[in-house]
Amino acid sequence: QVQLVESGGGLVQAGGSLRLSCVASGRTFSMYNMGWFRQAPGKERDFVAGILWDGGTTSYANSMKGRFTISRDNAKNTVYLQMNGLKPEDTAVYFCASTRRPFGAIMTNSDQYDYWGQGTQVTVSS
């Protein structure tokens, strides 16, 4: 079965950086788009960034543009989220996700994703 395992979260001061990783297994990773979402306590799960199956196209939520970078290494079955200039409002659990269908367009709605990791906590102190 498909498994997604995130890592790289932690506690960082405002202005700092973190790189999240998500390792996928259970199917041919290079055929599927990947996304990062985040969920703060009491809030909905929000789209952060997405990347096309071949890494050729990326998409970001407006508040992340210029600060976050999504990338992937298909040889390592891994998608990354480089986060720079972190702010306290970035504090959340970060999830990677993937769809059941291969290829296609990048989705930005959590309802359009079928597989989820367990999440990794990112805490940004002021």
PDB file of N, CA and C in Angstrom:
ATOM      1  N   GLN A   1       0.829  -1.180   0.000  1.00  0.00           N
ATOM      2  CA  GLN A   1       0.000   0.000   0.000  1.00  0.00           C
ATOM      3  C   GLN A   1       0.877   1.249   0.000  1.00  0.00           C
ATOM      4  N   VAL A   2       0.260   2.370  -0.336  1.00  0.00           N
ATOM      5  CA  VAL A   2       0.994   3.628  -0.398  1.00  0.00           C
ATOM      6  C   VAL A   2       1.262   4.130   1.014  1.00  0.00           C
ATOM      7  N   GLN A   3       2.514   4.492   1.252  1.00  0.00           N
ATOM      8  CA  GLN A   3       2.888   5.081   2.535  1.00  0.00           C
ATOM      9  C   GLN A   3       3.681   6.355   2.287  1.00  0.00           C
ATOM     10  N   LEU A   4       3.380   7.361   3.099  1.00  0.00           N
ATOM     11  CA  LEU A   4       4.093   8.636   3.057  1.00  0.00           C
ATOM     12  C   LEU A   4       4.604   8.923   4.459  1.00  0.00           C
ATOM     13  N   VAL A   5       5.886   9.198   4.576  1.00  0.00           N
ATOM     14  CA  VAL A   5       6.473   9.433   5.891  1.00  0.00           C
ATOM     15  C   VAL A   5       7.238  10.751   5.861  1.00  0.00           C
ATOM     16  N   GLU A   6       6.741  11.703   6.673  1.00  0.00           N
ATOM     17  CA  GLU A   6       7.384  13.014   6.746  1.00  0.00           C
ATOM     18  C   GLU A   6       8.429  13.047   7.842  1.00  0.00           C
ATOM     19  N   SER A   7       9.369  13.956   7.683  1.00  0.00           N
ATOM     20  CA  SER A   7      10.366  14.212   8.716  1.00  0.00           C
ATOM     21  C   SER A   7      10.899  15.623   8.516  1.00  0.00           C
ATOM     22  N   GLY A   8      11.637  16.105   9.523  1.00  0.00           N
ATOM     23  CA  GLY A   8      12.296  17.399   9.394  1.00  0.00           C
ATOM     24  C   GLY A   8      11.668  18.534  10.171  1.00  0.00           C
ATOM     25  N   GLY A   9      10.544  18.285  10.796  1.00  0.00           N
ATOM     26  CA  GLY A   9       9.933  19.333  11.581  1.00  0.00           C
ATOM     27  C   GLY A   9      10.725  19.616  12.848  1.00  0.00           C
ATOM     28  N   GLY A  10      10.318  20.669  13.545  1.00  0.00           N
ATOM     29  CA  GLY A  10      10.989  21.006  14.794  1.00  0.00           C
ATOM     30  C   GLY A  10      10.653  22.403  15.245  1.00  0.00           C
ATOM     31  N   LEU A  11      11.431  22.867  16.215  1.00  0.00           N
ATOM     32  CA  LEU A  11      11.259  24.201  16.789  1.00  0.00           C
ATOM     33  C   LEU A  11      12.329  25.115  16.205  1.00  0.00           C
ATOM     34  N   VAL A  12      11.908  26.265  15.708  1.00  0.00           N
ATOM     35  CA  VAL A  12      12.845  27.212  15.104  1.00  0.00           C
ATOM     36  C   VAL A  12      12.411  28.624  15.455  1.00  0.00           C
ATOM     37  N   GLN A  13      13.365  29.531  15.539  1.00  0.00           N
ATOM     38  CA  GLN A  13      13.029  30.922  15.809  1.00  0.00           C
ATOM     39  C   GLN A  13      12.531  31.611  14.540  1.00  0.00           C
ATOM     40  N   ALA A  14      11.767  32.651  14.734  1.00  0.00           N
ATOM     41  CA  ALA A  14      11.271  33.429  13.597  1.00  0.00           C
ATOM     42  C   ALA A  14      12.445  33.888  12.737  1.00  0.00           C
ATOM     43  N   GLY A  15      12.262  33.778  11.435  1.00  0.00           N
ATOM     44  CA  GLY A  15      13.324  34.104  10.501  1.00  0.00           C
ATOM     45  C   GLY A  15      14.190  32.924  10.118  1.00  0.00           C
ATOM     46  N   GLY A  16      14.042  31.829  10.830  1.00  0.00           N
ATOM     47  CA  GLY A  16      14.856  30.651  10.564  1.00  0.00           C
ATOM     48  C   GLY A  16      14.323  29.808   9.418  1.00  0.00           C
ATOM     49  N   SER A  17      14.979  28.668   9.216  1.00  0.00           N
ATOM     50  CA  SER A  17      14.651  27.787   8.102  1.00  0.00           C
ATOM     51  C   SER A  17      14.528  26.343   8.565  1.00  0.00           C
ATOM     52  N   LEU A  18      13.734  25.596   7.844  1.00  0.00           N
ATOM     53  CA  LEU A  18      13.615  24.156   8.020  1.00  0.00           C
ATOM     54  C   LEU A  18      13.415  23.527   6.653  1.00  0.00           C
ATOM     55  N   ARG A  19      13.846  22.274   6.512  1.00  0.00           N
ATOM     56  CA  ARG A  19      13.555  21.513   5.311  1.00  0.00           C
ATOM     57  C   ARG A  19      12.827  20.238   5.703  1.00  0.00           C
ATOM     58  N   LEU A  20      11.626  20.125   5.210  1.00  0.00           N
ATOM     59  CA  LEU A  20      10.832  18.925   5.442  1.00  0.00           C
ATOM     60  C   LEU A  20      11.067  17.936   4.305  1.00  0.00           C
ATOM     61  N   SER A  21      11.004  16.664   4.656  1.00  0.00           N
ATOM     62  CA  SER A  21      11.121  15.600   3.664  1.00  0.00           C
ATOM     63  C   SER A  21       9.933  14.666   3.795  1.00  0.00           C
ATOM     64  N   CYS A  22       9.574  14.061   2.699  1.00  0.00           N
ATOM     65  CA  CYS A  22       8.504  13.073   2.687  1.00  0.00           C
ATOM     66  C   CYS A  22       8.922  11.941   1.760  1.00  0.00           C
ATOM     67  N   VAL A  23       9.088  10.769   2.344  1.00  0.00           N
ATOM     68  CA  VAL A  23       9.475   9.603   1.563  1.00  0.00           C
ATOM     69  C   VAL A  23       8.239   8.771   1.264  1.00  0.00           C
ATOM     70  N   ALA A  24       8.073   8.434  -0.001  1.00  0.00           N
ATOM     71  CA  ALA A  24       6.913   7.659  -0.432  1.00  0.00           C
ATOM     72  C   ALA A  24       7.315   6.240  -0.780  1.00  0.00           C
ATOM     73  N   SER A  25       6.395   5.319  -0.575  1.00  0.00           N
ATOM     74  CA  SER A  25       6.630   3.931  -0.942  1.00  0.00           C
ATOM     75  C   SER A  25       5.316   3.291  -1.348  1.00  0.00           C
ATOM     76  N   GLY A  26       5.405   2.164  -2.030  1.00  0.00           N
ATOM     77  CA  GLY A  26       4.211   1.405  -2.368  1.00  0.00           C
ATOM     78  C   GLY A  26       3.738   1.530  -3.791  1.00  0.00           C
ATOM     79  N   ARG A  27       4.334   2.439  -4.566  1.00  0.00           N
ATOM     80  CA  ARG A  27       3.975   2.560  -5.973  1.00  0.00           C
ATOM     81  C   ARG A  27       5.054   3.386  -6.669  1.00  0.00           C
ATOM     82  N   THR A  28       4.885   3.577  -7.973  1.00  0.00           N
ATOM     83  CA  THR A  28       5.886   4.309  -8.751  1.00  0.00           C
ATOM     84  C   THR A  28       5.771   5.805  -8.488  1.00  0.00           C
ATOM     85  N   PHE A  29       6.637   6.292  -7.640  1.00  0.00           N
ATOM     86  CA  PHE A  29       6.575   7.670  -7.155  1.00  0.00           C
ATOM     87  C   PHE A  29       6.562   8.687  -8.295  1.00  0.00           C
ATOM     88  N   SER A  30       7.349   8.435  -9.329  1.00  0.00           N
ATOM     89  CA  SER A  30       7.541   9.429 -10.388  1.00  0.00           C
ATOM     90  C   SER A  30       6.306   9.660 -11.250  1.00  0.00           C
ATOM     91  N   MET A  31       5.248   8.915 -11.027  1.00  0.00           N
ATOM     92  CA  MET A  31       4.021   9.083 -11.810  1.00  0.00           C
ATOM     93  C   MET A  31       2.996   9.992 -11.141  1.00  0.00           C
ATOM     94  N   TYR A  32       3.258  10.416  -9.917  1.00  0.00           N
ATOM     95  CA  TYR A  32       2.216  11.087  -9.137  1.00  0.00           C
ATOM     96  C   TYR A  32       2.633  12.469  -8.664  1.00  0.00           C
ATOM     97  N   ASN A  33       1.683  13.400  -8.783  1.00  0.00           N
ATOM     98  CA  ASN A  33       1.879  14.716  -8.200  1.00  0.00           C
ATOM     99  C   ASN A  33       1.900  14.613  -6.683  1.00  0.00           C
ATOM    100  N   MET A  34       2.587  15.555  -6.061  1.00  0.00           N
ATOM    101  CA  MET A  34       2.687  15.568  -4.611  1.00  0.00           C
ATOM    102  C   MET A  34       2.316  16.943  -4.077  1.00  0.00           C
ATOM    103  N   GLY A  35       1.804  16.978  -2.866  1.00  0.00           N
ATOM    104  CA  GLY A  35       1.447  18.241  -2.254  1.00  0.00           C
ATOM    105  C   GLY A  35       1.868  18.292  -0.802  1.00  0.00           C
ATOM    106  N   TRP A  36       2.034  19.499  -0.314  1.00  0.00           N
ATOM    107  CA  TRP A  36       2.243  19.764   1.117  1.00  0.00           C
ATOM    108  C   TRP A  36       1.059  20.599   1.612  1.00  0.00           C
ATOM    109  N   PHE A  37       0.551  20.211   2.768  1.00  0.00           N
ATOM    110  CA  PHE A  37      -0.522  20.939   3.435  1.00  0.00           C
ATOM    111  C   PHE A  37      -0.087  21.195   4.867  1.00  0.00           C
ATOM    112  N   ARG A  38      -0.810  22.085   5.524  1.00  0.00           N
ATOM    113  CA  ARG A  38      -0.541  22.309   6.941  1.00  0.00           C
ATOM    114  C   ARG A  38      -1.842  22.569   7.669  1.00  0.00           C
ATOM    115  N   GLN A  39      -1.815  22.235   8.955  1.00  0.00           N
ATOM    116  CA  GLN A  39      -3.005  22.412   9.775  1.00  0.00           C
ATOM    117  C   GLN A  39      -2.602  22.919  11.147  1.00  0.00           C
ATOM    118  N   ALA A  40      -3.073  24.107  11.478  1.00  0.00           N
ATOM    119  CA  ALA A  40      -2.851  24.681  12.793  1.00  0.00           C
ATOM    120  C   ALA A  40      -4.007  24.271  13.698  1.00  0.00           C
ATOM    121  N   PRO A  41      -3.809  24.295  15.016  1.00  0.00           N
ATOM    122  CA  PRO A  41      -4.877  23.886  15.942  1.00  0.00           C
ATOM    123  C   PRO A  41      -6.151  24.684  15.711  1.00  0.00           C
ATOM    124  N   GLY A  42      -7.248  23.980  15.591  1.00  0.00           N
ATOM    125  CA  GLY A  42      -8.542  24.620  15.421  1.00  0.00           C
ATOM    126  C   GLY A  42      -8.811  25.173  14.041  1.00  0.00           C
ATOM    127  N   LYS A  43      -7.917  24.900  13.103  1.00  0.00           N
ATOM    128  CA  LYS A  43      -8.086  25.433  11.752  1.00  0.00           C
ATOM    129  C   LYS A  43      -8.154  24.290  10.737  1.00  0.00           C
ATOM    130  N   GLU A  44      -8.573  24.659   9.540  1.00  0.00           N
ATOM    131  CA  GLU A  44      -8.664  23.680   8.466  1.00  0.00           C
ATOM    132  C   GLU A  44      -7.275  23.345   7.935  1.00  0.00           C
ATOM    133  N   ARG A  45      -7.215  22.247   7.202  1.00  0.00           N
ATOM    134  CA  ARG A  45      -5.972  21.849   6.557  1.00  0.00           C
ATOM    135  C   ARG A  45      -5.833  22.646   5.261  1.00  0.00           C
ATOM    136  N   ASP A  46      -4.768  23.416   5.169  1.00  0.00           N
ATOM    137  CA  ASP A  46      -4.588  24.339   4.055  1.00  0.00           C
ATOM    138  C   ASP A  46      -3.474  23.898   3.115  1.00  0.00           C
ATOM    139  N   PHE A  47      -3.669  24.177   1.851  1.00  0.00           N
ATOM    140  CA  PHE A  47      -2.662  23.907   0.831  1.00  0.00           C
ATOM    141  C   PHE A  47      -1.446  24.814   1.062  1.00  0.00           C
ATOM    142  N   VAL A  48      -0.274  24.213   0.942  1.00  0.00           N
ATOM    143  CA  VAL A  48       0.976  24.964   1.049  1.00  0.00           C
ATOM    144  C   VAL A  48       1.661  25.034  -0.312  1.00  0.00           C
ATOM    145  N   ALA A  49       1.897  23.855  -0.897  1.00  0.00           N
ATOM    146  CA  ALA A  49       2.610  23.800  -2.177  1.00  0.00           C
ATOM    147  C   ALA A  49       2.340  22.464  -2.846  1.00  0.00           C
ATOM    148  N   GLY A  50       2.485  22.448  -4.166  1.00  0.00           N
ATOM    149  CA  GLY A  50       2.320  21.214  -4.920  1.00  0.00           C
ATOM    150  C   GLY A  50       3.350  21.149  -6.028  1.00  0.00           C
ATOM    151  N   ILE A  51       3.640  19.938  -6.473  1.00  0.00           N
ATOM    152  CA  ILE A  51       4.633  19.758  -7.526  1.00  0.00           C
ATOM    153  C   ILE A  51       4.165  18.668  -8.470  1.00  0.00           C
ATOM    154  N   LEU A  52       4.379  18.914  -9.746  1.00  0.00           N
ATOM    155  CA  LEU A  52       3.971  17.974 -10.767  1.00  0.00           C
ATOM    156  C   LEU A  52       4.826  16.713 -10.705  1.00  0.00           C
ATOM    157  N   TRP A  53       4.329  15.638 -11.257  1.00  0.00           N
ATOM    158  CA  TRP A  53       4.988  14.345 -11.199  1.00  0.00           C
ATOM    159  C   TRP A  53       6.431  14.377 -11.685  1.00  0.00           C
ATOM    160  N   ASP A  54       6.711  15.239 -12.671  1.00  0.00           N
ATOM    161  CA  ASP A  54       8.070  15.291 -13.201  1.00  0.00           C
ATOM    162  C   ASP A  54       8.888  16.439 -12.616  1.00  0.00           C
ATOM    163  N   GLY A  55       8.308  17.151 -11.660  1.00  0.00           N
ATOM    164  CA  GLY A  55       9.010  18.269 -11.047  1.00  0.00           C
ATOM    165  C   GLY A  55       9.039  19.520 -11.885  1.00  0.00           C
ATOM    166  N   GLY A  56       8.404  19.500 -13.039  1.00  0.00           N
ATOM    167  CA  GLY A  56       8.503  20.614 -13.968  1.00  0.00           C
ATOM    168  C   GLY A  56       7.637  21.816 -13.637  1.00  0.00           C
ATOM    169  N   THR A  57       6.627  21.596 -12.817  1.00  0.00           N
ATOM    170  CA  THR A  57       5.715  22.683 -12.456  1.00  0.00           C
ATOM    171  C   THR A  57       5.445  22.640 -10.971  1.00  0.00           C
ATOM    172  N   THR A  58       5.417  23.802 -10.355  1.00  0.00           N
ATOM    173  CA  THR A  58       5.097  23.897  -8.934  1.00  0.00           C
ATOM    174  C   THR A  58       3.985  24.924  -8.727  1.00  0.00           C
ATOM    175  N   SER A  59       3.356  24.829  -7.584  1.00  0.00           N
ATOM    176  CA  SER A  59       2.287  25.753  -7.230  1.00  0.00           C
ATOM    177  C   SER A  59       2.389  26.048  -5.743  1.00  0.00           C
ATOM    178  N   TYR A  60       2.094  27.297  -5.368  1.00  0.00           N
ATOM    179  CA  TYR A  60       2.208  27.699  -3.969  1.00  0.00           C
ATOM    180  C   TYR A  60       0.993  28.502  -3.543  1.00  0.00           C
ATOM    181  N   ALA A  61       0.667  28.375  -2.264  1.00  0.00           N
ATOM    182  CA  ALA A  61      -0.287  29.301  -1.679  1.00  0.00           C
ATOM    183  C   ALA A  61       0.361  30.677  -1.639  1.00  0.00           C
ATOM    184  N   ASN A  62      -0.457  31.698  -1.754  1.00  0.00           N
ATOM    185  CA  ASN A  62       0.089  33.060  -1.883  1.00  0.00           C
ATOM    186  C   ASN A  62       1.022  33.436  -0.737  1.00  0.00           C
ATOM    187  N   SER A  63       0.668  33.045   0.477  1.00  0.00           N
ATOM    188  CA  SER A  63       1.456  33.477   1.629  1.00  0.00           C
ATOM    189  C   SER A  63       2.812  32.772   1.705  1.00  0.00           C
ATOM    190  N   MET A  64       3.013  31.722   0.907  1.00  0.00           N
ATOM    191  CA  MET A  64       4.266  30.984   0.921  1.00  0.00           C
ATOM    192  C   MET A  64       5.188  31.361  -0.225  1.00  0.00           C
ATOM    193  N   LYS A  65       4.656  32.040  -1.206  1.00  0.00           N
ATOM    194  CA  LYS A  65       5.471  32.381  -2.373  1.00  0.00           C
ATOM    195  C   LYS A  65       6.678  33.219  -1.966  1.00  0.00           C
ATOM    196  N   GLY A  66       7.836  32.811  -2.468  1.00  0.00           N
ATOM    197  CA  GLY A  66       9.065  33.521  -2.157  1.00  0.00           C
ATOM    198  C   GLY A  66       9.736  33.070  -0.872  1.00  0.00           C
ATOM    199  N   ARG A  67       9.029  32.328  -0.034  1.00  0.00           N
ATOM    200  CA  ARG A  67       9.627  31.836   1.210  1.00  0.00           C
ATOM    201  C   ARG A  67       9.812  30.323   1.194  1.00  0.00           C
ATOM    202  N   PHE A  68       8.860  29.613   0.604  1.00  0.00           N
ATOM    203  CA  PHE A  68       8.890  28.150   0.579  1.00  0.00           C
ATOM    204  C   PHE A  68       9.213  27.657  -0.828  1.00  0.00           C
ATOM    205  N   THR A  69       9.918  26.532  -0.892  1.00  0.00           N
ATOM    206  CA  THR A  69      10.230  25.905  -2.169  1.00  0.00           C
ATOM    207  C   THR A  69       9.970  24.413  -2.086  1.00  0.00           C
ATOM    208  N   ILE A  70       9.142  23.923  -2.978  1.00  0.00           N
ATOM    209  CA  ILE A  70       8.885  22.493  -3.059  1.00  0.00           C
ATOM    210  C   ILE A  70       9.742  21.906  -4.166  1.00  0.00           C
ATOM    211  N   SER A  71      10.255  20.722  -3.921  1.00  0.00           N
ATOM    212  CA  SER A  71      11.069  20.029  -4.921  1.00  0.00           C
ATOM    213  C   SER A  71      10.913  18.533  -4.715  1.00  0.00           C
ATOM    214  N   ARG A  72      11.413  17.763  -5.654  1.00  0.00           N
ATOM    215  CA  ARG A  72      11.325  16.321  -5.521  1.00  0.00           C
ATOM    216  C   ARG A  72      12.533  15.666  -6.162  1.00  0.00           C
ATOM    217  N   ASP A  73      12.840  14.492  -5.649  1.00  0.00           N
ATOM    218  CA  ASP A  73      13.894  13.651  -6.210  1.00  0.00           C
ATOM    219  C   ASP A  73      13.253  12.302  -6.500  1.00  0.00           C
ATOM    220  N   ASN A  74      12.914  12.071  -7.740  1.00  0.00           N
ATOM    221  CA  ASN A  74      12.205  10.840  -8.074  1.00  0.00           C
ATOM    222  C   ASN A  74      13.078   9.596  -7.897  1.00  0.00           C
ATOM    223  N   ALA A  75      14.365   9.767  -7.966  1.00  0.00           N
ATOM    224  CA  ALA A  75      15.259   8.623  -7.741  1.00  0.00           C
ATOM    225  C   ALA A  75      15.241   8.183  -6.278  1.00  0.00           C
ATOM    226  N   LYS A  76      14.891   9.112  -5.391  1.00  0.00           N
ATOM    227  CA  LYS A  76      14.858   8.815  -3.957  1.00  0.00           C
ATOM    228  C   LYS A  76      13.437   8.716  -3.415  1.00  0.00           C
ATOM    229  N   ASN A  77      12.449   8.802  -4.316  1.00  0.00           N
ATOM    230  CA  ASN A  77      11.042   8.734  -3.892  1.00  0.00           C
ATOM    231  C   ASN A  77      10.729   9.755  -2.803  1.00  0.00           C
ATOM    232  N   THR A  78      11.271  10.929  -2.939  1.00  0.00           N
ATOM    233  CA  THR A  78      11.182  11.923  -1.873  1.00  0.00           C
ATOM    234  C   THR A  78      10.752  13.279  -2.421  1.00  0.00           C
ATOM    235  N   VAL A  79       9.873  13.923  -1.674  1.00  0.00           N
ATOM    236  CA  VAL A  79       9.500  15.307  -1.949  1.00  0.00           C
ATOM    237  C   VAL A  79       9.940  16.149  -0.755  1.00  0.00           C
ATOM    238  N   TYR A  80      10.382  17.365  -1.051  1.00  0.00           N
ATOM    239  CA  TYR A  80      10.927  18.252  -0.025  1.00  0.00           C
ATOM    240  C   TYR A  80      10.127  19.550   0.038  1.00  0.00           C
ATOM    241  N   LEU A  81      10.189  20.175   1.199  1.00  0.00           N
ATOM    242  CA  LEU A  81       9.657  21.522   1.359  1.00  0.00           C
ATOM    243  C   LEU A  81      10.696  22.329   2.120  1.00  0.00           C
ATOM    244  N   GLN A  82      11.368  23.207   1.398  1.00  0.00           N
ATOM    245  CA  GLN A  82      12.335  24.111   2.025  1.00  0.00           C
ATOM    246  C   GLN A  82      11.584  25.351   2.484  1.00  0.00           C
ATOM    247  N   MET A  83      11.680  25.652   3.763  1.00  0.00           N
ATOM    248  CA  MET A  83      10.951  26.776   4.333  1.00  0.00           C
ATOM    249  C   MET A  83      11.946  27.773   4.897  1.00  0.00           C
ATOM    250  N   ASN A  84      11.956  28.964   4.335  1.00  0.00           N
ATOM    251  CA  ASN A  84      12.827  30.048   4.788  1.00  0.00           C
ATOM    252  C   ASN A  84      11.991  31.204   5.317  1.00  0.00           C
ATOM    253  N   GLY A  85      12.609  32.061   6.092  1.00  0.00           N
ATOM    254  CA  GLY A  85      11.892  33.216   6.618  1.00  0.00           C
ATOM    255  C   GLY A  85      10.658  32.834   7.409  1.00  0.00           C
ATOM    256  N   LEU A  86      10.798  31.823   8.244  1.00  0.00           N
ATOM    257  CA  LEU A  86       9.630  31.314   8.974  1.00  0.00           C
ATOM    258  C   LEU A  86       9.081  32.343   9.944  1.00  0.00           C
ATOM    259  N   LYS A  87       7.766  32.329  10.074  1.00  0.00           N
ATOM    260  CA  LYS A  87       7.037  33.243  10.938  1.00  0.00           C
ATOM    261  C   LYS A  87       6.250  32.446  11.964  1.00  0.00           C
ATOM    262  N   PRO A  88       5.921  33.046  13.095  1.00  0.00           N
ATOM    263  CA  PRO A  88       5.112  32.316  14.086  1.00  0.00           C
ATOM    264  C   PRO A  88       3.805  31.780  13.500  1.00  0.00           C
ATOM    265  N   GLU A  89       3.230  32.476  12.560  1.00  0.00           N
ATOM    266  CA  GLU A  89       1.977  32.005  11.958  1.00  0.00           C
ATOM    267  C   GLU A  89       2.168  30.795  11.045  1.00  0.00           C
ATOM    268  N   ASP A  90       3.410  30.385  10.806  1.00  0.00           N
ATOM    269  CA  ASP A  90       3.672  29.158  10.059  1.00  0.00           C
ATOM    270  C   ASP A  90       3.600  27.926  10.951  1.00  0.00           C
ATOM    271  N   THR A  91       3.448  28.140  12.249  1.00  0.00           N
ATOM    272  CA  THR A  91       3.354  27.022  13.187  1.00  0.00           C
ATOM    273  C   THR A  91       2.148  26.158  12.855  1.00  0.00           C
ATOM    274  N   ALA A  92       2.395  24.873  12.643  1.00  0.00           N
ATOM    275  CA  ALA A  92       1.336  23.944  12.256  1.00  0.00           C
ATOM    276  C   ALA A  92       1.924  22.548  12.133  1.00  0.00           C
ATOM    277  N   VAL A  93       1.058  21.586  11.969  1.00  0.00           N
ATOM    278  CA  VAL A  93       1.483  20.250  11.553  1.00  0.00           C
ATOM    279  C   VAL A  93       1.487  20.243  10.022  1.00  0.00           C
ATOM    280  N   TYR A  94       2.570  19.806   9.453  1.00  0.00           N
ATOM    281  CA  TYR A  94       2.734  19.787   8.006  1.00  0.00           C
ATOM    282  C   TYR A  94       2.595  18.353   7.499  1.00  0.00           C
ATOM    283  N   PHE A  95       1.779  18.197   6.469  1.00  0.00           N
ATOM    284  CA  PHE A  95       1.488  16.893   5.892  1.00  0.00           C
ATOM    285  C   PHE A  95       1.883  16.867   4.419  1.00  0.00           C
ATOM    286  N   CYS A  96       2.445  15.756   3.979  1.00  0.00           N
ATOM    287  CA  CYS A  96       2.562  15.559   2.543  1.00  0.00           C
ATOM    288  C   CYS A  96       1.411  14.655   2.096  1.00  0.00           C
ATOM    289  N   ALA A  97       1.068  14.776   0.824  1.00  0.00           N
ATOM    290  CA  ALA A  97      -0.089  14.068   0.306  1.00  0.00           C
ATOM    291  C   ALA A  97       0.090  13.760  -1.165  1.00  0.00           C
ATOM    292  N   SER A  98      -0.661  12.764  -1.608  1.00  0.00           N
ATOM    293  CA  SER A  98      -0.619  12.405  -3.015  1.00  0.00           C
ATOM    294  C   SER A  98      -1.988  11.916  -3.453  1.00  0.00           C
ATOM    295  N   THR A  99      -2.179  11.924  -4.764  1.00  0.00           N
ATOM    296  CA  THR A  99      -3.468  11.522  -5.314  1.00  0.00           C
ATOM    297  C   THR A  99      -3.443  10.060  -5.732  1.00  0.00           C
ATOM    298  N   ARG A 100      -4.624   9.499  -5.935  1.00  0.00           N
ATOM    299  CA  ARG A 100      -4.734   8.121  -6.399  1.00  0.00           C
ATOM    300  C   ARG A 100      -4.413   8.014  -7.890  1.00  0.00           C
ATOM    301  N   ARG A 101      -4.778   9.060  -8.624  1.00  0.00           N
ATOM    302  CA  ARG A 101      -4.580   9.032 -10.077  1.00  0.00           C
ATOM    303  C   ARG A 101      -3.200   9.559 -10.435  1.00  0.00           C
ATOM    304  N   PRO A 102      -2.556   8.961 -11.417  1.00  0.00           N
ATOM    305  CA  PRO A 102      -1.239   9.461 -11.848  1.00  0.00           C
ATOM    306  C   PRO A 102      -1.367  10.686 -12.738  1.00  0.00           C
ATOM    307  N   PHE A 103      -0.268  11.400 -12.871  1.00  0.00           N
ATOM    308  CA  PHE A 103      -0.152  12.548 -13.767  1.00  0.00           C
ATOM    309  C   PHE A 103      -1.230  13.582 -13.464  1.00  0.00           C
ATOM    310  N   GLY A 104      -1.774  14.250 -14.459  1.00  0.00           N
ATOM    311  CA  GLY A 104      -2.810  15.253 -14.243  1.00  0.00           C
ATOM    312  C   GLY A 104      -2.246  16.567 -13.751  1.00  0.00           C
ATOM    313  N   ALA A 105      -3.133  17.431 -13.280  1.00  0.00           N
ATOM    314  CA  ALA A 105      -2.757  18.761 -12.820  1.00  0.00           C
ATOM    315  C   ALA A 105      -2.519  18.763 -11.314  1.00  0.00           C
ATOM    316  N   ILE A 106      -1.821  19.784 -10.841  1.00  0.00           N
ATOM    317  CA  ILE A 106      -1.604  19.934  -9.403  1.00  0.00           C
ATOM    318  C   ILE A 106      -2.915  20.339  -8.748  1.00  0.00           C
ATOM    319  N   MET A 107      -3.284  19.632  -7.708  1.00  0.00           N
ATOM    320  CA  MET A 107      -4.505  19.931  -6.955  1.00  0.00           C
ATOM    321  C   MET A 107      -4.171  20.760  -5.733  1.00  0.00           C
ATOM    322  N   THR A 108      -5.093  21.651  -5.366  1.00  0.00           N
ATOM    323  CA  THR A 108      -4.848  22.515  -4.212  1.00  0.00           C
ATOM    324  C   THR A 108      -5.859  22.305  -3.095  1.00  0.00           C
ATOM    325  N   ASN A 109      -6.831  21.437  -3.310  1.00  0.00           N
ATOM    326  CA  ASN A 109      -7.860  21.157  -2.316  1.00  0.00           C
ATOM    327  C   ASN A 109      -7.537  19.838  -1.631  1.00  0.00           C
ATOM    328  N   SER A 110      -7.569  19.829  -0.305  1.00  0.00           N
ATOM    329  CA  SER A 110      -7.211  18.611   0.415  1.00  0.00           C
ATOM    330  C   SER A 110      -8.143  17.445   0.080  1.00  0.00           C
ATOM    331  N   ASP A 111      -9.371  17.744  -0.309  1.00  0.00           N
ATOM    332  CA  ASP A 111     -10.331  16.690  -0.654  1.00  0.00           C
ATOM    333  C   ASP A 111      -9.920  15.929  -1.914  1.00  0.00           C
ATOM    334  N   GLN A 112      -9.022  16.509  -2.681  1.00  0.00           N
ATOM    335  CA  GLN A 112      -8.590  15.889  -3.926  1.00  0.00           C
ATOM    336  C   GLN A 112      -7.397  14.956  -3.736  1.00  0.00           C
ATOM    337  N   TYR A 113      -6.925  14.832  -2.518  1.00  0.00           N
ATOM    338  CA  TYR A 113      -5.799  13.963  -2.223  1.00  0.00           C
ATOM    339  C   TYR A 113      -6.291  12.722  -1.480  1.00  0.00           C
ATOM    340  N   ASP A 114      -5.651  11.609  -1.800  1.00  0.00           N
ATOM    341  CA  ASP A 114      -6.112  10.322  -1.275  1.00  0.00           C
ATOM    342  C   ASP A 114      -5.188   9.725  -0.221  1.00  0.00           C
ATOM    343  N   TYR A 115      -3.930  10.067  -0.291  1.00  0.00           N
ATOM    344  CA  TYR A 115      -2.950   9.477   0.613  1.00  0.00           C
ATOM    345  C   TYR A 115      -2.248  10.575   1.400  1.00  0.00           C
ATOM    346  N   TRP A 116      -2.068  10.312   2.694  1.00  0.00           N
ATOM    347  CA  TRP A 116      -1.507  11.310   3.591  1.00  0.00           C
ATOM    348  C   TRP A 116      -0.455  10.696   4.483  1.00  0.00           C
ATOM    349  N   GLY A 117       0.548  11.502   4.806  1.00  0.00           N
ATOM    350  CA  GLY A 117       1.489  11.099   5.823  1.00  0.00           C
ATOM    351  C   GLY A 117       0.933  11.387   7.205  1.00  0.00           C
ATOM    352  N   GLN A 118       1.726  11.068   8.218  1.00  0.00           N
ATOM    353  CA  GLN A 118       1.267  11.240   9.593  1.00  0.00           C
ATOM    354  C   GLN A 118       1.459  12.672  10.080  1.00  0.00           C
ATOM    355  N   GLY A 119       2.234  13.452   9.342  1.00  0.00           N
ATOM    356  CA  GLY A 119       2.452  14.839   9.704  1.00  0.00           C
ATOM    357  C   GLY A 119       3.704  15.039  10.527  1.00  0.00           C
ATOM    358  N   THR A 120       4.256  16.246  10.432  1.00  0.00           N
ATOM    359  CA  THR A 120       5.415  16.621  11.234  1.00  0.00           C
ATOM    360  C   THR A 120       5.184  18.029  11.765  1.00  0.00           C
ATOM    361  N   GLN A 121       5.448  18.205  13.049  1.00  0.00           N
ATOM    362  CA  GLN A 121       5.155  19.468  13.714  1.00  0.00           C
ATOM    363  C   GLN A 121       6.248  20.499  13.423  1.00  0.00           C
ATOM    364  N   VAL A 122       5.815  21.679  13.034  1.00  0.00           N
ATOM    365  CA  VAL A 122       6.709  22.822  12.872  1.00  0.00           C
ATOM    366  C   VAL A 122       6.243  23.902  13.831  1.00  0.00           C
ATOM    367  N   THR A 123       7.133  24.348  14.690  1.00  0.00           N
ATOM    368  CA  THR A 123       6.817  25.391  15.658  1.00  0.00           C
ATOM    369  C   THR A 123       7.816  26.524  15.488  1.00  0.00           C
ATOM    370  N   VAL A 124       7.285  27.716  15.271  1.00  0.00           N
ATOM    371  CA  VAL A 124       8.127  28.891  15.066  1.00  0.00           C
ATOM    372  C   VAL A 124       7.910  29.838  16.241  1.00  0.00           C
ATOM    373  N   SER A 125       8.949  30.107  16.963  1.00  0.00           N
ATOM    374  CA  SER A 125       8.848  30.991  18.124  1.00  0.00           C
ATOM    375  C   SER A 125       9.192  32.422  17.727  1.00  0.00           C
ATOM    376  N   SER A 126       8.558  33.341  18.424  1.00  0.00           N
ATOM    377  CA  SER A 126       8.766  34.765  18.102  1.00  0.00           C
ATOM    378  C   SER A 126       9.926  35.346  18.880  1.00  0.00           C
TER     379      SER A 126
END
